[in-house]
Amino acid sequence: MDINIVWIIAVLLLAAGAVKGFRKGLVEGVVRITSYVIGIIVLIVLVKGIGSFIQGSILNVLMALILLVVIRLLHRIIKLLLDSCRLVSRLPVVKWLDRLGGTLLGIAQMVCLIWALFILFGYFDILHLNGWILEMVNQSRLLSLLYHTNYIIRLMQVM
């Protein structure tokens, strides 16, 4: 029986996510994800605003600027809420719950990364590894579960 390298990589990624999540905690993980999402939204709004400015549509530029102000206000409110959560998460019992939640969040992030890698290697067939990866997936229950429950693909199909 061959060594399933894809399984080893997946388990190492999941373990790394669990350890990192345990160390950072749920609150820090949520802060990081929220910052990423807000950054992406700001980028999209800026790109649309710049595109409208180039086309000469003043109304769309004003709407983009208003959206940026609203996003900034929402970011400040969320930051205030999360800062108070950070204080509460330092309490002894809550700290363990925060770490447990961080562990689960770290594992969930790595599952999303593995899903994205499956899509990347499958759709673009990078280095012509798609067939080999599918063979490795079929040899492992864990990989089969991850491969066949890929919600990113389902989301892409809906869009």
N, C-alpha and C. Protein backbone atom coordinates (compact mmCIF):
# COMPACT_ATOMS: atom_id res chain seq x y z
N MET A 1 0.84 -1.18 0.00
CA MET A 1 0.00 0.00 0.00
C MET A 1 0.89 1.25 0.00
N ASP A 2 0.55 2.19 -0.85
CA ASP A 2 1.31 3.43 -0.97
C ASP A 2 0.96 4.38 0.18
N ILE A 3 1.90 5.26 0.45
CA ILE A 3 1.66 6.29 1.45
C ILE A 3 0.80 7.37 0.81
N ASN A 4 -0.28 7.73 1.49
CA ASN A 4 -1.20 8.74 0.96
C ASN A 4 -0.71 10.12 1.39
N ILE A 5 0.07 10.74 0.52
CA ILE A 5 0.67 12.04 0.84
C ILE A 5 -0.39 13.12 1.00
N VAL A 6 -1.44 13.05 0.21
CA VAL A 6 -2.52 14.04 0.31
C VAL A 6 -3.18 13.96 1.68
N TRP A 7 -3.36 12.75 2.20
CA TRP A 7 -3.95 12.57 3.53
C TRP A 7 -3.03 13.18 4.59
N ILE A 8 -1.72 12.92 4.46
CA ILE A 8 -0.76 13.46 5.43
C ILE A 8 -0.79 14.99 5.42
N ILE A 9 -0.82 15.58 4.22
CA ILE A 9 -0.87 17.04 4.10
C ILE A 9 -2.16 17.58 4.73
N ALA A 10 -3.29 16.92 4.45
CA ALA A 10 -4.57 17.38 4.99
C ALA A 10 -4.57 17.30 6.52
N VAL A 11 -4.07 16.21 7.08
CA VAL A 11 -4.04 16.06 8.54
C VAL A 11 -3.10 17.09 9.16
N LEU A 12 -1.96 17.34 8.53
CA LEU A 12 -1.04 18.36 9.04
C LEU A 12 -1.67 19.76 9.00
N LEU A 13 -2.39 20.06 7.92
CA LEU A 13 -3.08 21.35 7.83
C LEU A 13 -4.14 21.48 8.92
N LEU A 14 -4.93 20.43 9.11
CA LEU A 14 -5.98 20.47 10.14
C LEU A 14 -5.37 20.61 11.53
N ALA A 15 -4.28 19.89 11.79
CA ALA A 15 -3.62 19.98 13.10
C ALA A 15 -3.02 21.37 13.31
N ALA A 16 -2.42 21.93 12.27
CA ALA A 16 -1.85 23.28 12.37
C ALA A 16 -2.95 24.30 12.64
N GLY A 17 -4.09 24.14 11.98
CA GLY A 17 -5.21 25.04 12.22
C GLY A 17 -5.74 24.92 13.63
N ALA A 18 -5.79 23.70 14.15
CA ALA A 18 -6.27 23.49 15.52
C ALA A 18 -5.32 24.13 16.52
N VAL A 19 -4.02 23.94 16.33
CA VAL A 19 -3.03 24.50 17.26
C VAL A 19 -3.05 26.03 17.20
N LYS A 20 -3.05 26.57 15.99
CA LYS A 20 -3.07 28.03 15.85
C LYS A 20 -4.36 28.62 16.43
N GLY A 21 -5.49 27.96 16.17
CA GLY A 21 -6.75 28.42 16.72
C GLY A 21 -6.78 28.36 18.24
N PHE A 22 -6.21 27.30 18.81
CA PHE A 22 -6.15 27.17 20.27
C PHE A 22 -5.32 28.30 20.87
N ARG A 23 -4.19 28.61 20.24
CA ARG A 23 -3.32 29.67 20.76
C ARG A 23 -3.95 31.05 20.63
N LYS A 24 -4.60 31.31 19.50
CA LYS A 24 -5.17 32.64 19.26
C LYS A 24 -6.52 32.83 19.95
N GLY A 25 -7.33 31.79 19.97
CA GLY A 25 -8.65 31.89 20.55
C GLY A 25 -9.70 32.30 19.53
N LEU A 26 -10.95 32.11 19.90
CA LEU A 26 -12.07 32.40 19.00
C LEU A 26 -12.19 33.89 18.72
N VAL A 27 -12.05 34.70 19.75
CA VAL A 27 -12.25 36.15 19.58
C VAL A 27 -11.22 36.70 18.59
N GLU A 28 -9.96 36.33 18.74
CA GLU A 28 -8.93 36.81 17.81
C GLU A 28 -9.18 36.29 16.40
N GLY A 29 -9.63 35.06 16.29
CA GLY A 29 -9.96 34.51 14.97
C GLY A 29 -11.09 35.26 14.30
N VAL A 30 -12.11 35.59 15.08
CA VAL A 30 -13.24 36.34 14.53
C VAL A 30 -12.80 37.75 14.13
N VAL A 31 -11.94 38.36 14.94
CA VAL A 31 -11.42 39.69 14.59
C VAL A 31 -10.67 39.63 13.27
N ARG A 32 -9.83 38.63 13.11
CA ARG A 32 -9.03 38.49 11.88
C ARG A 32 -9.92 38.27 10.67
N ILE A 33 -10.89 37.38 10.78
CA ILE A 33 -11.78 37.10 9.66
C ILE A 33 -12.62 38.32 9.33
N THR A 34 -13.12 39.00 10.36
CA THR A 34 -13.91 40.22 10.13
C THR A 34 -13.08 41.27 9.40
N SER A 35 -11.83 41.42 9.78
CA SER A 35 -10.96 42.38 9.11
C SER A 35 -10.76 42.02 7.65
N TYR A 36 -10.57 40.74 7.36
CA TYR A 36 -10.41 40.30 5.97
C TYR A 36 -11.66 40.61 5.15
N VAL A 37 -12.81 40.27 5.71
CA VAL A 37 -14.08 40.49 4.99
C VAL A 37 -14.30 41.97 4.74
N ILE A 38 -14.08 42.79 5.76
CA ILE A 38 -14.26 44.23 5.59
C ILE A 38 -13.27 44.78 4.56
N GLY A 39 -12.05 44.29 4.59
CA GLY A 39 -11.06 44.71 3.60
C GLY A 39 -11.47 44.37 2.18
N ILE A 40 -12.02 43.18 1.99
CA ILE A 40 -12.49 42.78 0.66
C ILE A 40 -13.65 43.65 0.21
N ILE A 41 -14.58 43.92 1.13
CA ILE A 41 -15.73 44.78 0.79
C ILE A 41 -15.25 46.18 0.41
N VAL A 42 -14.31 46.72 1.18
CA VAL A 42 -13.78 48.05 0.87
C VAL A 42 -13.10 48.04 -0.50
N LEU A 43 -12.35 47.00 -0.78
CA LEU A 43 -11.69 46.90 -2.08
C LEU A 43 -12.70 46.88 -3.22
N ILE A 44 -13.76 46.11 -3.06
CA ILE A 44 -14.80 46.04 -4.10
C ILE A 44 -15.46 47.40 -4.30
N VAL A 45 -15.79 48.06 -3.19
CA VAL A 45 -16.43 49.38 -3.29
C VAL A 45 -15.48 50.38 -3.95
N LEU A 46 -14.21 50.34 -3.58
CA LEU A 46 -13.24 51.26 -4.19
C LEU A 46 -13.09 51.02 -5.69
N VAL A 47 -13.01 49.76 -6.08
CA VAL A 47 -12.87 49.45 -7.50
C VAL A 47 -14.09 49.95 -8.27
N LYS A 48 -15.28 49.73 -7.73
CA LYS A 48 -16.49 50.21 -8.40
C LYS A 48 -16.53 51.74 -8.43
N GLY A 49 -16.10 52.37 -7.34
CA GLY A 49 -16.08 53.83 -7.30
C GLY A 49 -15.10 54.41 -8.30
N ILE A 50 -13.92 53.81 -8.39
CA ILE A 50 -12.92 54.27 -9.35
C ILE A 50 -13.41 54.05 -10.78
N GLY A 51 -14.04 52.90 -11.02
CA GLY A 51 -14.61 52.63 -12.35
C GLY A 51 -15.67 53.65 -12.72
N SER A 52 -16.51 54.00 -11.76
CA SER A 52 -17.55 55.00 -12.02
C SER A 52 -16.94 56.37 -12.24
N PHE A 53 -15.88 56.69 -11.50
CA PHE A 53 -15.21 57.98 -11.67
C PHE A 53 -14.61 58.09 -13.07
N ILE A 54 -14.01 57.00 -13.52
CA ILE A 54 -13.41 56.99 -14.86
C ILE A 54 -14.50 57.16 -15.92
N GLN A 55 -15.66 56.55 -15.69
CA GLN A 55 -16.77 56.66 -16.65
C GLN A 55 -17.48 58.01 -16.53
N GLY A 56 -17.22 58.75 -15.48
CA GLY A 56 -17.82 60.07 -15.32
C GLY A 56 -19.16 60.06 -14.61
N SER A 57 -19.50 59.00 -13.92
CA SER A 57 -20.78 58.91 -13.22
C SER A 57 -20.61 59.41 -11.79
N ILE A 58 -20.97 60.66 -11.57
CA ILE A 58 -20.80 61.30 -10.26
C ILE A 58 -21.68 60.64 -9.20
N LEU A 59 -22.89 60.25 -9.56
CA LEU A 59 -23.81 59.63 -8.60
C LEU A 59 -23.22 58.34 -8.04
N ASN A 60 -22.65 57.50 -8.91
CA ASN A 60 -22.05 56.25 -8.44
C ASN A 60 -20.83 56.50 -7.57
N VAL A 61 -20.06 57.54 -7.89
CA VAL A 61 -18.90 57.89 -7.07
C VAL A 61 -19.37 58.31 -5.68
N LEU A 62 -20.41 59.14 -5.61
CA LEU A 62 -20.95 59.56 -4.31
C LEU A 62 -21.48 58.38 -3.51
N MET A 63 -22.16 57.47 -4.18
CA MET A 63 -22.68 56.27 -3.49
C MET A 63 -21.52 55.43 -2.96
N ALA A 64 -20.45 55.30 -3.72
CA ALA A 64 -19.28 54.54 -3.27
C ALA A 64 -18.66 55.20 -2.04
N LEU A 65 -18.56 56.52 -2.05
CA LEU A 65 -18.01 57.24 -0.89
C LEU A 65 -18.90 57.07 0.34
N ILE A 66 -20.21 57.14 0.15
CA ILE A 66 -21.14 56.93 1.27
C ILE A 66 -21.01 55.51 1.81
N LEU A 67 -20.89 54.54 0.90
CA LEU A 67 -20.69 53.15 1.33
C LEU A 67 -19.41 52.99 2.14
N LEU A 68 -18.35 53.66 1.72
CA LEU A 68 -17.09 53.59 2.47
C LEU A 68 -17.26 54.15 3.88
N VAL A 69 -17.99 55.25 4.01
CA VAL A 69 -18.23 55.84 5.33
C VAL A 69 -19.06 54.88 6.20
N VAL A 70 -20.09 54.28 5.62
CA VAL A 70 -20.92 53.33 6.36
C VAL A 70 -20.10 52.11 6.79
N ILE A 71 -19.26 51.61 5.88
CA ILE A 71 -18.41 50.46 6.21
C ILE A 71 -17.46 50.83 7.34
N ARG A 72 -16.91 52.01 7.31
CA ARG A 72 -15.99 52.46 8.36
C ARG A 72 -16.72 52.52 9.71
N LEU A 73 -17.94 53.04 9.72
CA LEU A 73 -18.72 53.09 10.96
C LEU A 73 -19.03 51.69 11.48
N LEU A 74 -19.41 50.80 10.59
CA LEU A 74 -19.67 49.41 10.99
C LEU A 74 -18.41 48.76 11.55
N HIS A 75 -17.29 49.04 10.92
CA HIS A 75 -16.03 48.48 11.40
C HIS A 75 -15.71 48.97 12.81
N ARG A 76 -15.95 50.25 13.09
CA ARG A 76 -15.71 50.77 14.43
C ARG A 76 -16.63 50.14 15.46
N ILE A 77 -17.89 49.94 15.11
CA ILE A 77 -18.85 49.31 16.03
C ILE A 77 -18.44 47.87 16.30
N ILE A 78 -18.09 47.14 15.25
CA ILE A 78 -17.66 45.75 15.42
C ILE A 78 -16.39 45.69 16.25
N LYS A 79 -15.45 46.60 16.01
CA LYS A 79 -14.20 46.63 16.78
C LYS A 79 -14.49 46.88 18.26
N LEU A 80 -15.40 47.77 18.55
CA LEU A 80 -15.77 48.06 19.94
C LEU A 80 -16.35 46.81 20.61
N LEU A 81 -17.24 46.12 19.91
CA LEU A 81 -17.83 44.90 20.46
C LEU A 81 -16.78 43.82 20.68
N LEU A 82 -15.88 43.66 19.71
CA LEU A 82 -14.87 42.62 19.83
C LEU A 82 -13.83 42.95 20.89
N ASP A 83 -13.53 44.22 21.09
CA ASP A 83 -12.62 44.60 22.17
C ASP A 83 -13.20 44.25 23.54
N SER A 84 -14.50 44.45 23.70
CA SER A 84 -15.12 44.05 24.96
C SER A 84 -15.13 42.53 25.11
N CYS A 85 -15.29 41.82 24.00
CA CYS A 85 -15.21 40.35 24.06
C CYS A 85 -13.81 39.89 24.44
N ARG A 86 -12.79 40.62 24.00
CA ARG A 86 -11.42 40.27 24.37
C ARG A 86 -11.22 40.35 25.88
N LEU A 87 -11.80 41.38 26.50
CA LEU A 87 -11.68 41.51 27.95
C LEU A 87 -12.36 40.36 28.67
N VAL A 88 -13.55 40.01 28.22
CA VAL A 88 -14.30 38.91 28.85
C VAL A 88 -13.59 37.58 28.62
N SER A 89 -12.95 37.42 27.46
CA SER A 89 -12.31 36.14 27.14
C SER A 89 -11.08 35.87 27.98
N ARG A 90 -10.63 36.82 28.77
CA ARG A 90 -9.48 36.61 29.64
C ARG A 90 -9.86 35.96 30.97
N LEU A 91 -11.15 35.90 31.26
CA LEU A 91 -11.60 35.23 32.49
C LEU A 91 -11.29 33.74 32.38
N PRO A 92 -10.91 33.08 33.49
CA PRO A 92 -10.42 31.69 33.42
C PRO A 92 -11.35 30.70 32.71
N VAL A 93 -12.61 30.64 33.09
CA VAL A 93 -13.51 29.67 32.46
C VAL A 93 -13.79 30.06 31.01
N VAL A 94 -14.00 31.32 30.79
CA VAL A 94 -14.30 31.81 29.45
C VAL A 94 -13.08 31.64 28.55
N LYS A 95 -11.88 31.72 29.14
CA LYS A 95 -10.65 31.57 28.35
C LYS A 95 -10.59 30.19 27.71
N TRP A 96 -10.97 29.16 28.45
CA TRP A 96 -10.96 27.81 27.88
C TRP A 96 -12.02 27.66 26.79
N LEU A 97 -13.17 28.26 27.00
CA LEU A 97 -14.20 28.23 25.95
C LEU A 97 -13.72 28.98 24.71
N ASP A 98 -13.03 30.10 24.93
CA ASP A 98 -12.47 30.87 23.82
C ASP A 98 -11.45 30.03 23.05
N ARG A 99 -10.61 29.31 23.78
CA ARG A 99 -9.60 28.47 23.12
C ARG A 99 -10.24 27.29 22.39
N LEU A 100 -11.27 26.70 22.99
CA LEU A 100 -11.98 25.61 22.32
C LEU A 100 -12.63 26.11 21.04
N GLY A 101 -13.29 27.26 21.13
CA GLY A 101 -13.89 27.86 19.93
C GLY A 101 -12.84 28.21 18.90
N GLY A 102 -11.69 28.70 19.35
CA GLY A 102 -10.60 29.01 18.44
C GLY A 102 -10.08 27.77 17.74
N THR A 103 -10.01 26.66 18.48
CA THR A 103 -9.58 25.40 17.88
C THR A 103 -10.54 24.99 16.77
N LEU A 104 -11.83 25.05 17.05
CA LEU A 104 -12.83 24.69 16.03
C LEU A 104 -12.79 25.64 14.84
N LEU A 105 -12.60 26.92 15.10
CA LEU A 105 -12.50 27.89 14.02
C LEU A 105 -11.25 27.65 13.18
N GLY A 106 -10.14 27.33 13.83
CA GLY A 106 -8.90 27.03 13.10
C GLY A 106 -9.05 25.82 12.21
N ILE A 107 -9.73 24.78 12.71
CA ILE A 107 -9.99 23.59 11.89
C ILE A 107 -10.89 23.95 10.72
N ALA A 108 -11.93 24.76 10.98
CA ALA A 108 -12.84 25.17 9.90
C ALA A 108 -12.11 25.97 8.83
N GLN A 109 -11.18 26.83 9.24
CA GLN A 109 -10.41 27.60 8.26
C GLN A 109 -9.56 26.67 7.39
N MET A 110 -8.97 25.67 8.00
CA MET A 110 -8.14 24.73 7.23
C MET A 110 -8.99 23.86 6.30
N VAL A 111 -10.20 23.53 6.73
CA VAL A 111 -11.11 22.79 5.84
C VAL A 111 -11.41 23.64 4.61
N CYS A 112 -11.65 24.93 4.82
CA CYS A 112 -11.89 25.83 3.68
C CYS A 112 -10.67 25.92 2.78
N LEU A 113 -9.48 25.94 3.37
CA LEU A 113 -8.25 25.96 2.57
C LEU A 113 -8.11 24.67 1.76
N ILE A 114 -8.40 23.54 2.37
CA ILE A 114 -8.32 22.26 1.66
C ILE A 114 -9.34 22.23 0.52
N TRP A 115 -10.55 22.73 0.77
CA TRP A 115 -11.55 22.81 -0.29
C TRP A 115 -11.05 23.66 -1.44
N ALA A 116 -10.45 24.82 -1.11
CA ALA A 116 -9.92 25.71 -2.15
C ALA A 116 -8.80 25.03 -2.93
N LEU A 117 -7.96 24.27 -2.24
CA LEU A 117 -6.89 23.54 -2.94
C LEU A 117 -7.46 22.46 -3.85
N PHE A 118 -8.50 21.76 -3.40
CA PHE A 118 -9.15 20.78 -4.27
C PHE A 118 -9.66 21.45 -5.54
N ILE A 119 -10.27 22.61 -5.39
CA ILE A 119 -10.79 23.34 -6.55
C ILE A 119 -9.64 23.77 -7.45
N LEU A 120 -8.60 24.32 -6.84
CA LEU A 120 -7.46 24.82 -7.60
C LEU A 120 -6.80 23.71 -8.41
N PHE A 121 -6.52 22.59 -7.76
CA PHE A 121 -5.87 21.49 -8.46
C PHE A 121 -6.81 20.79 -9.42
N GLY A 122 -8.10 20.73 -9.08
CA GLY A 122 -9.06 20.05 -9.95
C GLY A 122 -9.46 20.86 -11.15
N TYR A 123 -9.77 22.11 -10.93
CA TYR A 123 -10.28 22.95 -12.02
C TYR A 123 -9.18 23.35 -12.98
N PHE A 124 -8.04 23.75 -12.43
CA PHE A 124 -6.96 24.22 -13.28
C PHE A 124 -5.96 23.11 -13.60
N ASP A 125 -6.10 21.95 -12.98
CA ASP A 125 -5.24 20.79 -13.18
C ASP A 125 -3.77 21.19 -13.14
N ILE A 126 -3.39 21.84 -12.05
CA ILE A 126 -2.02 22.31 -11.87
C ILE A 126 -1.07 21.11 -11.84
N LEU A 127 -0.04 21.19 -12.63
CA LEU A 127 0.99 20.16 -12.74
C LEU A 127 0.42 18.80 -13.14
N HIS A 128 -0.78 18.79 -13.68
CA HIS A 128 -1.46 17.56 -14.12
C HIS A 128 -1.56 16.54 -12.98
N LEU A 129 -1.91 17.04 -11.80
CA LEU A 129 -2.02 16.19 -10.61
C LEU A 129 -3.45 15.78 -10.29
N ASN A 130 -4.41 16.22 -11.08
CA ASN A 130 -5.82 15.98 -10.75
C ASN A 130 -6.13 14.49 -10.61
N GLY A 131 -5.69 13.68 -11.54
CA GLY A 131 -5.96 12.24 -11.48
C GLY A 131 -5.33 11.59 -10.26
N TRP A 132 -4.09 11.96 -9.97
CA TRP A 132 -3.39 11.41 -8.81
C TRP A 132 -4.08 11.82 -7.51
N ILE A 133 -4.49 13.09 -7.42
CA ILE A 133 -5.17 13.57 -6.21
C ILE A 133 -6.49 12.84 -6.03
N LEU A 134 -7.25 12.66 -7.11
CA LEU A 134 -8.52 11.92 -7.00
C LEU A 134 -8.28 10.48 -6.55
N GLU A 135 -7.21 9.88 -7.00
CA GLU A 135 -6.88 8.52 -6.57
C GLU A 135 -6.59 8.49 -5.07
N MET A 136 -5.84 9.47 -4.59
CA MET A 136 -5.53 9.57 -3.16
C MET A 136 -6.80 9.85 -2.35
N VAL A 137 -7.69 10.68 -2.89
CA VAL A 137 -8.95 10.99 -2.21
C VAL A 137 -9.78 9.73 -2.05
N ASN A 138 -9.85 8.93 -3.09
CA ASN A 138 -10.66 7.70 -3.04
C ASN A 138 -10.10 6.67 -2.08
N GLN A 139 -8.84 6.78 -1.70
CA GLN A 139 -8.23 5.82 -0.77
C GLN A 139 -8.46 6.18 0.70
N SER A 140 -8.99 7.36 0.97
CA SER A 140 -9.12 7.83 2.35
C SER A 140 -10.54 8.30 2.64
N ARG A 141 -11.07 7.87 3.78
CA ARG A 141 -12.40 8.33 4.18
C ARG A 141 -12.41 9.82 4.48
N LEU A 142 -11.38 10.29 5.18
CA LEU A 142 -11.29 11.71 5.53
C LEU A 142 -11.26 12.57 4.26
N LEU A 143 -10.39 12.22 3.33
CA LEU A 143 -10.29 13.00 2.09
C LEU A 143 -11.56 12.91 1.27
N SER A 144 -12.18 11.74 1.23
CA SER A 144 -13.45 11.60 0.50
C SER A 144 -14.52 12.49 1.12
N LEU A 145 -14.57 12.50 2.44
CA LEU A 145 -15.55 13.36 3.13
C LEU A 145 -15.29 14.83 2.80
N LEU A 146 -14.04 15.25 2.88
CA LEU A 146 -13.70 16.64 2.57
C LEU A 146 -14.00 16.97 1.11
N TYR A 147 -13.68 16.06 0.22
CA TYR A 147 -13.85 16.31 -1.21
C TYR A 147 -15.32 16.38 -1.61
N HIS A 148 -16.12 15.48 -1.06
CA HIS A 148 -17.53 15.40 -1.48
C HIS A 148 -18.45 16.36 -0.71
N THR A 149 -17.93 17.01 0.32
CA THR A 149 -18.74 18.01 1.04
C THR A 149 -18.17 19.41 0.83
N ASN A 150 -17.64 19.68 -0.34
CA ASN A 150 -17.01 20.96 -0.64
C ASN A 150 -18.08 22.02 -0.89
N TYR A 151 -18.35 22.82 0.16
CA TYR A 151 -19.39 23.84 0.06
C TYR A 151 -18.98 25.03 -0.81
N ILE A 152 -17.69 25.21 -1.02
CA ILE A 152 -17.25 26.28 -1.91
C ILE A 152 -17.71 25.99 -3.33
N ILE A 153 -17.61 24.74 -3.76
CA ILE A 153 -18.09 24.37 -5.10
C ILE A 153 -19.59 24.58 -5.19
N ARG A 154 -20.31 24.19 -4.15
CA ARG A 154 -21.77 24.37 -4.15
C ARG A 154 -22.13 25.85 -4.23
N LEU A 155 -21.40 26.68 -3.51
CA LEU A 155 -21.64 28.12 -3.55
C LEU A 155 -21.35 28.67 -4.94
N MET A 156 -20.29 28.20 -5.57
CA MET A 156 -19.95 28.65 -6.92
C MET A 156 -21.01 28.22 -7.93
N GLN A 157 -21.60 27.05 -7.73
CA GLN A 157 -22.65 26.57 -8.64
C GLN A 157 -23.90 27.41 -8.52
N VAL A 158 -24.20 27.90 -7.31
CA VAL A 158 -25.38 28.73 -7.11
C VAL A 158 -25.18 30.09 -7.76
N MET A 159 -23.97 30.62 -7.69
CA MET A 159 -23.70 31.94 -8.25
C MET A 159 -23.58 31.79 -9.72
